[in-house]
Every structure is written in C-alpha cells, then in structure tokens.
Amino acid sequence: MSEQVPASDSPGPVPDPVPPDVLDLADRLWRGEISTERHHPVAHLGGLAEITEGVAFVPSFANVTAFDTEDGHQVFVAVTSDAQWERFCRAFDRPELLADARLRTNQDRADANPWLVPLLADLLRGFARDEVFARCRQAAVPCAPVARVEDLYADPHIVGGGGLLETLLPGGGTASLPRLPVELDRVKPGLRRQAPRLGEHTREILCAAGFAQDAIATLAQRGLIAVDVE
C-alpha cells in the first residue's frame, strides 16, 4: 500500500488581488468594446495577463446596440460578423449598404459606427418590434427584446422556468413575485410561507424563544407586541 500523506491544514499561498485596471480591461474585452488586435476580441482573452502598456485598443464589435422600433419598443440587434452583415442587409432590403465599400469588413463597420448606427436606427425605427424579430431570426442575426419591468410577468423564459411565485397580498389578492434566482443541489427554493400579517407569528416566535403564554399575554396587554392581529 502506498503511504498516505496527511492533508495540510494550511490554505496555501493567498493569490495577489487582481488590479482594478486589469479587471476593467477584462470587462471591456468581454463586452467587446476593445480588442488587442483588429479581430474578434475574445480570441485574445487567454493572453490577458500578458497585456502591457503600449498595446493599441480599437473597437471590434460593429453595430451592437439597442434600437427603437415603430411601436415604441426597443430591440437589441447584434451584427458582429461579415456574414451576419450580409444577411442583415438582405433581410431589410438594403443592398446599397451591402455594396458600400466603406462597410466591407467588420472593422470597417466598427470604424463607421458614428454615422452607421444612426442610419440603422432610422432604418429599424420604420418597423414594429415583431417585424424586426421576424426578419432577424429568419436571417439568423442575433436579436433580443429590451424588456420593461411589466414584461417580467409574461416573459417565456421566467414563466417557463418557474421563476415566479404566486403570493398572497393583504386583503386576499394575489401577485406573482420573482423567485430567488438560486438553486441548492439543483433544487429551486419555493415559498414556505406567505408574507405574515401583523402579529401573525409573534406568539409562535416568542414561545420558541422560551416565553410562557402568560408573559406573552402581559406584553400584548401593555401594547409592547402585536399578537394575532386580523
């Protein structure tokens, strides 16, 4: 049998904290705001630790933003490759954009964002949200709604994933409230109890803390606690 080596109680060396400027750089790289080269930004994330001063950073994602639609909504459209750009132009019947030599590559379009994004905003403002979705999805161009708070209760992802819990309100009504977005051993916590009425659990809690019933009654008579208030 091989000799067993006892585990050390020492937690080992504590790593140096990541400098804030490196964290900020990683965040900007991840969001596609900058790139270490004039190519796709995530291709160089593995070399982040070797990045030093003197590296030139340039915008690398073209046309990734939220746009207003004709019916008062917003949509997020991401055209991040030459193939997506071609499909987008064809989907929205804009052959002149596809033929524009200034917009030939993804980096060309990123450089053109100051005038191209307003042009695309005017274009998409002429369509209702569902029409933008239909055209983008048909063309395999990434898109998503910019949801409002009130859209939460009908969101297919949240509703389908059990993200809302039916909760009783004072007066007998009900409302769907967000579930805690965590899982414990792949189990989502449910609603063990409804929100308590005033004094609903006072007696239960004080009894669990060792108070006798007569002591609880005395506290209630003095107005120091609320008990069983309807």
Protein backbone atom coordinates (compact mmCIF):
# COMPACT_ATOMS: atom_id res chain seq x y z
CA MET A 1 0.00 0.00 0.00
CA SER A 2 1.22 3.47 -0.76
CA GLU A 3 1.84 5.75 2.15
CA GLN A 4 -0.92 8.23 2.76
CA VAL A 5 0.25 11.79 3.14
CA PRO A 6 -1.88 13.78 5.59
CA ALA A 7 -3.57 16.79 4.13
CA SER A 8 -2.11 20.09 5.19
CA ASP A 9 -4.18 22.46 7.30
CA SER A 10 -2.58 25.39 5.54
CA PRO A 11 -4.81 27.02 2.93
CA GLY A 12 -1.76 27.64 0.76
CA PRO A 13 -0.47 30.89 -0.61
CA VAL A 14 -3.03 33.67 -0.99
CA PRO A 15 -3.05 34.94 -4.58
CA ASP A 16 -2.35 38.59 -5.16
CA PRO A 17 -5.52 40.62 -5.77
CA VAL A 18 -6.23 41.43 -9.40
CA PRO A 19 -5.51 45.12 -10.04
CA PRO A 20 -8.66 47.18 -10.73
CA ASP A 21 -7.34 48.32 -14.11
CA VAL A 22 -6.95 44.69 -15.22
CA LEU A 23 -10.49 43.88 -14.07
CA ASP A 24 -11.79 46.86 -16.01
CA LEU A 25 -9.84 45.76 -19.06
CA ALA A 26 -11.21 42.22 -18.81
CA ASP A 27 -14.75 43.56 -18.52
CA ARG A 28 -14.33 45.77 -21.59
CA LEU A 29 -12.80 42.90 -23.56
CA TRP A 30 -15.65 40.60 -22.58
CA ARG A 31 -18.26 43.17 -23.65
CA GLY A 32 -16.47 43.62 -26.96
CA GLU A 33 -15.66 47.29 -26.51
CA ILE A 34 -11.97 46.81 -27.20
CA SER A 35 -9.64 44.26 -28.75
CA THR A 36 -5.93 43.53 -28.60
CA GLU A 37 -5.95 43.35 -32.38
CA ARG A 38 -8.27 44.30 -35.20
CA HIS A 39 -10.04 40.97 -34.97
CA HIS A 40 -12.63 39.26 -32.81
CA PRO A 41 -11.88 40.30 -29.19
CA VAL A 42 -12.47 37.01 -27.39
CA ALA A 43 -9.72 35.35 -29.42
CA HIS A 44 -7.17 37.04 -27.19
CA LEU A 45 -8.72 36.68 -23.75
CA GLY A 46 -6.28 33.92 -22.88
CA GLY A 47 -3.39 36.37 -23.15
CA LEU A 48 -4.94 38.95 -20.89
CA ALA A 49 -2.28 38.56 -18.20
CA GLU A 50 0.44 39.44 -20.71
CA ILE A 51 -1.17 42.69 -21.86
CA THR A 52 1.08 45.65 -21.11
CA GLU A 53 1.14 49.35 -21.77
CA GLY A 54 1.65 50.35 -25.36
CA VAL A 55 -0.97 47.99 -26.85
CA ALA A 56 -3.37 49.82 -29.14
CA PHE A 57 -7.02 49.04 -28.47
CA VAL A 58 -9.72 49.59 -31.06
CA PRO A 59 -13.48 48.95 -31.12
CA SER A 60 -14.08 45.49 -32.55
CA PHE A 61 -17.82 44.83 -32.45
CA ALA A 62 -19.79 46.67 -35.09
CA ASN A 63 -23.47 47.52 -34.72
CA VAL A 64 -24.21 46.01 -31.32
CA THR A 65 -26.77 48.25 -29.69
CA ALA A 66 -30.43 48.77 -28.82
CA PHE A 67 -32.73 50.35 -31.37
CA ASP A 68 -36.16 51.97 -31.07
CA THR A 69 -38.99 50.45 -33.09
CA GLU A 70 -42.04 51.92 -34.74
CA ASP A 71 -44.41 50.70 -31.99
CA GLY A 72 -42.50 52.25 -29.07
CA HIS A 73 -40.39 49.25 -28.05
CA GLN A 74 -36.66 48.64 -28.15
CA VAL A 75 -34.75 45.74 -29.65
CA PHE A 76 -31.14 44.70 -29.24
CA VAL A 77 -29.53 43.72 -32.54
CA ALA A 78 -26.00 42.34 -32.80
CA VAL A 79 -24.32 42.28 -36.21
CA THR A 80 -20.83 41.05 -35.36
CA SER A 81 -19.56 39.32 -38.47
CA ASP A 82 -19.38 39.85 -42.21
CA ALA A 83 -21.82 37.00 -42.83
CA GLN A 84 -24.34 38.46 -40.38
CA TRP A 85 -23.98 41.87 -42.01
CA GLU A 86 -24.77 40.39 -45.43
CA ARG A 87 -27.84 38.58 -44.09
CA PHE A 88 -28.99 41.68 -42.20
CA CYS A 89 -28.79 43.88 -45.32
CA ARG A 90 -30.70 41.34 -47.38
CA ALA A 91 -33.32 40.84 -44.64
CA PHE A 92 -34.07 44.58 -44.54
CA ASP A 93 -33.77 45.15 -48.30
CA ARG A 94 -30.73 47.44 -48.14
CA PRO A 95 -28.45 46.26 -50.98
CA GLU A 96 -26.74 49.68 -51.12
CA LEU A 97 -25.36 49.14 -47.60
CA LEU A 98 -24.06 45.73 -48.56
CA ALA A 99 -22.36 47.22 -51.60
CA ASP A 100 -20.85 50.17 -49.71
CA ALA A 101 -17.05 49.79 -49.81
CA ARG A 102 -16.78 51.65 -46.50
CA LEU A 103 -18.65 48.80 -44.79
CA ARG A 104 -16.88 45.82 -46.32
CA THR A 105 -15.43 44.29 -43.12
CA ASN A 106 -16.49 44.09 -39.52
CA GLN A 107 -13.75 46.50 -38.52
CA ASP A 108 -14.79 48.90 -41.30
CA ARG A 109 -18.29 48.93 -39.82
CA ALA A 110 -16.95 49.41 -36.30
CA ASP A 111 -14.99 52.42 -37.53
CA ALA A 112 -18.14 53.69 -39.26
CA ASN A 113 -20.32 53.41 -36.15
CA PRO A 114 -20.57 57.20 -35.62
CA TRP A 115 -22.60 57.55 -38.82
CA LEU A 116 -23.73 53.96 -39.40
CA VAL A 117 -25.54 53.40 -36.10
CA PRO A 118 -27.82 56.48 -36.58
CA LEU A 119 -28.56 55.24 -40.11
CA LEU A 120 -29.52 51.80 -38.81
CA ALA A 121 -31.58 53.42 -36.04
CA ASP A 122 -33.61 55.28 -38.69
CA LEU A 123 -34.00 52.05 -40.64
CA LEU A 124 -35.26 49.93 -37.75
CA ARG A 125 -37.49 52.72 -36.47
CA GLY A 126 -39.62 52.06 -39.54
CA PHE A 127 -40.55 48.55 -38.35
CA ALA A 128 -42.61 47.20 -35.48
CA ARG A 129 -40.75 45.12 -32.90
CA ASP A 130 -42.22 41.79 -34.01
CA GLU A 131 -41.29 42.52 -37.62
CA VAL A 132 -37.69 43.24 -36.63
CA PHE A 133 -37.60 39.95 -34.71
CA ALA A 134 -39.10 38.02 -37.58
CA ARG A 135 -36.60 39.36 -40.12
CA CYS A 136 -33.59 38.96 -37.84
CA ARG A 137 -34.50 35.43 -36.84
CA GLN A 138 -35.19 34.43 -40.42
CA ALA A 139 -31.73 35.78 -41.31
CA ALA A 140 -30.03 34.21 -38.25
CA VAL A 141 -29.00 37.63 -36.94
CA PRO A 142 -28.85 37.79 -33.11
CA CYS A 143 -31.61 39.93 -31.61
CA ALA A 144 -33.48 40.25 -28.32
CA PRO A 145 -36.14 42.48 -26.77
CA VAL A 146 -35.25 45.22 -24.34
CA ALA A 147 -37.86 44.36 -21.74
CA ARG A 148 -39.71 46.67 -19.40
CA VAL A 149 -40.37 45.80 -15.76
CA GLU A 150 -44.00 44.99 -16.52
CA ASP A 151 -42.87 42.48 -19.17
CA LEU A 152 -41.36 40.31 -16.44
CA TYR A 153 -44.63 38.59 -15.62
CA ALA A 154 -45.17 37.29 -19.16
CA ASP A 155 -41.56 36.55 -20.06
CA PRO A 156 -41.49 32.99 -21.51
CA HIS A 157 -38.08 32.20 -20.00
CA ILE A 158 -39.02 33.33 -16.49
CA VAL A 159 -42.51 31.83 -16.51
CA GLY A 160 -41.40 28.57 -18.14
CA GLY A 161 -38.54 28.17 -15.68
CA GLY A 162 -40.75 28.62 -12.62
CA GLY A 163 -39.22 32.00 -11.82
CA LEU A 164 -42.42 33.46 -10.38
CA LEU A 165 -44.24 32.51 -7.19
CA GLU A 166 -47.93 33.12 -6.52
CA THR A 167 -48.04 35.22 -3.37
CA LEU A 168 -50.97 36.32 -1.21
CA LEU A 169 -51.44 40.04 -0.66
CA PRO A 170 -53.10 41.84 2.25
CA GLY A 171 -56.83 41.85 1.62
CA GLY A 172 -56.89 38.47 -0.13
CA GLY A 173 -55.46 39.30 -3.54
CA THR A 174 -52.53 37.51 -5.17
CA ALA A 175 -49.47 38.58 -7.14
CA SER A 176 -46.66 36.78 -8.94
CA LEU A 177 -43.34 37.74 -7.39
CA PRO A 178 -39.82 36.71 -8.52
CA ARG A 179 -38.34 33.57 -7.02
CA LEU A 180 -34.83 33.83 -5.59
CA PRO A 181 -32.53 33.16 -8.58
CA VAL A 182 -30.54 30.40 -6.86
CA GLU A 183 -30.51 26.61 -6.78
CA LEU A 184 -29.36 24.39 -3.89
CA ASP A 185 -28.43 20.87 -5.01
CA ARG A 186 -30.34 21.62 -8.23
CA VAL A 187 -33.47 22.46 -6.24
CA LYS A 188 -35.05 25.88 -6.52
CA PRO A 189 -36.29 27.21 -3.18
CA GLY A 190 -40.05 27.56 -3.06
CA LEU A 191 -42.40 29.61 -0.96
CA ARG A 192 -42.56 28.07 2.52
CA ARG A 193 -44.85 30.71 3.99
CA GLN A 194 -46.84 33.63 2.75
CA ALA A 195 -45.87 37.09 3.92
CA PRO A 196 -47.16 37.34 7.52
CA ARG A 197 -49.96 39.54 8.70
CA LEU A 198 -49.15 41.92 11.55
CA GLY A 199 -48.53 39.82 14.64
CA GLU A 200 -49.35 36.54 12.91
CA HIS A 201 -46.25 34.72 14.16
CA THR A 202 -45.44 36.74 17.29
CA ARG A 203 -46.79 34.10 19.66
CA GLU A 204 -45.07 31.27 17.79
CA ILE A 205 -41.70 33.02 17.82
CA LEU A 206 -41.86 34.05 21.47
CA CYS A 207 -42.89 30.53 22.53
CA ALA A 208 -39.92 29.12 20.61
CA ALA A 209 -37.73 31.64 22.46
CA GLY A 210 -38.99 30.30 25.85
CA PHE A 211 -41.67 32.84 26.77
CA ALA A 212 -44.63 31.50 28.72
CA GLN A 213 -48.16 32.18 27.47
CA ASP A 214 -48.96 34.45 30.41
CA ALA A 215 -45.83 36.52 29.77
CA ILE A 216 -46.83 36.90 26.12
CA ALA A 217 -50.33 37.96 27.16
CA THR A 218 -48.86 40.57 29.54
CA LEU A 219 -46.65 42.01 26.77
CA ALA A 220 -49.65 42.20 24.47
CA GLN A 221 -51.81 43.91 27.12
CA ARG A 222 -49.12 46.55 27.59
CA GLY A 223 -49.05 47.20 23.85
CA LEU A 224 -45.45 46.10 23.53
CA ILE A 225 -46.16 43.41 20.94
CA ALA A 226 -48.86 42.67 18.39
CA VAL A 227 -50.43 39.25 18.57
CA ASP A 228 -52.92 37.64 16.17
CA VAL A 229 -53.96 40.91 14.53
CA GLU A 230 -56.52 40.35 11.76
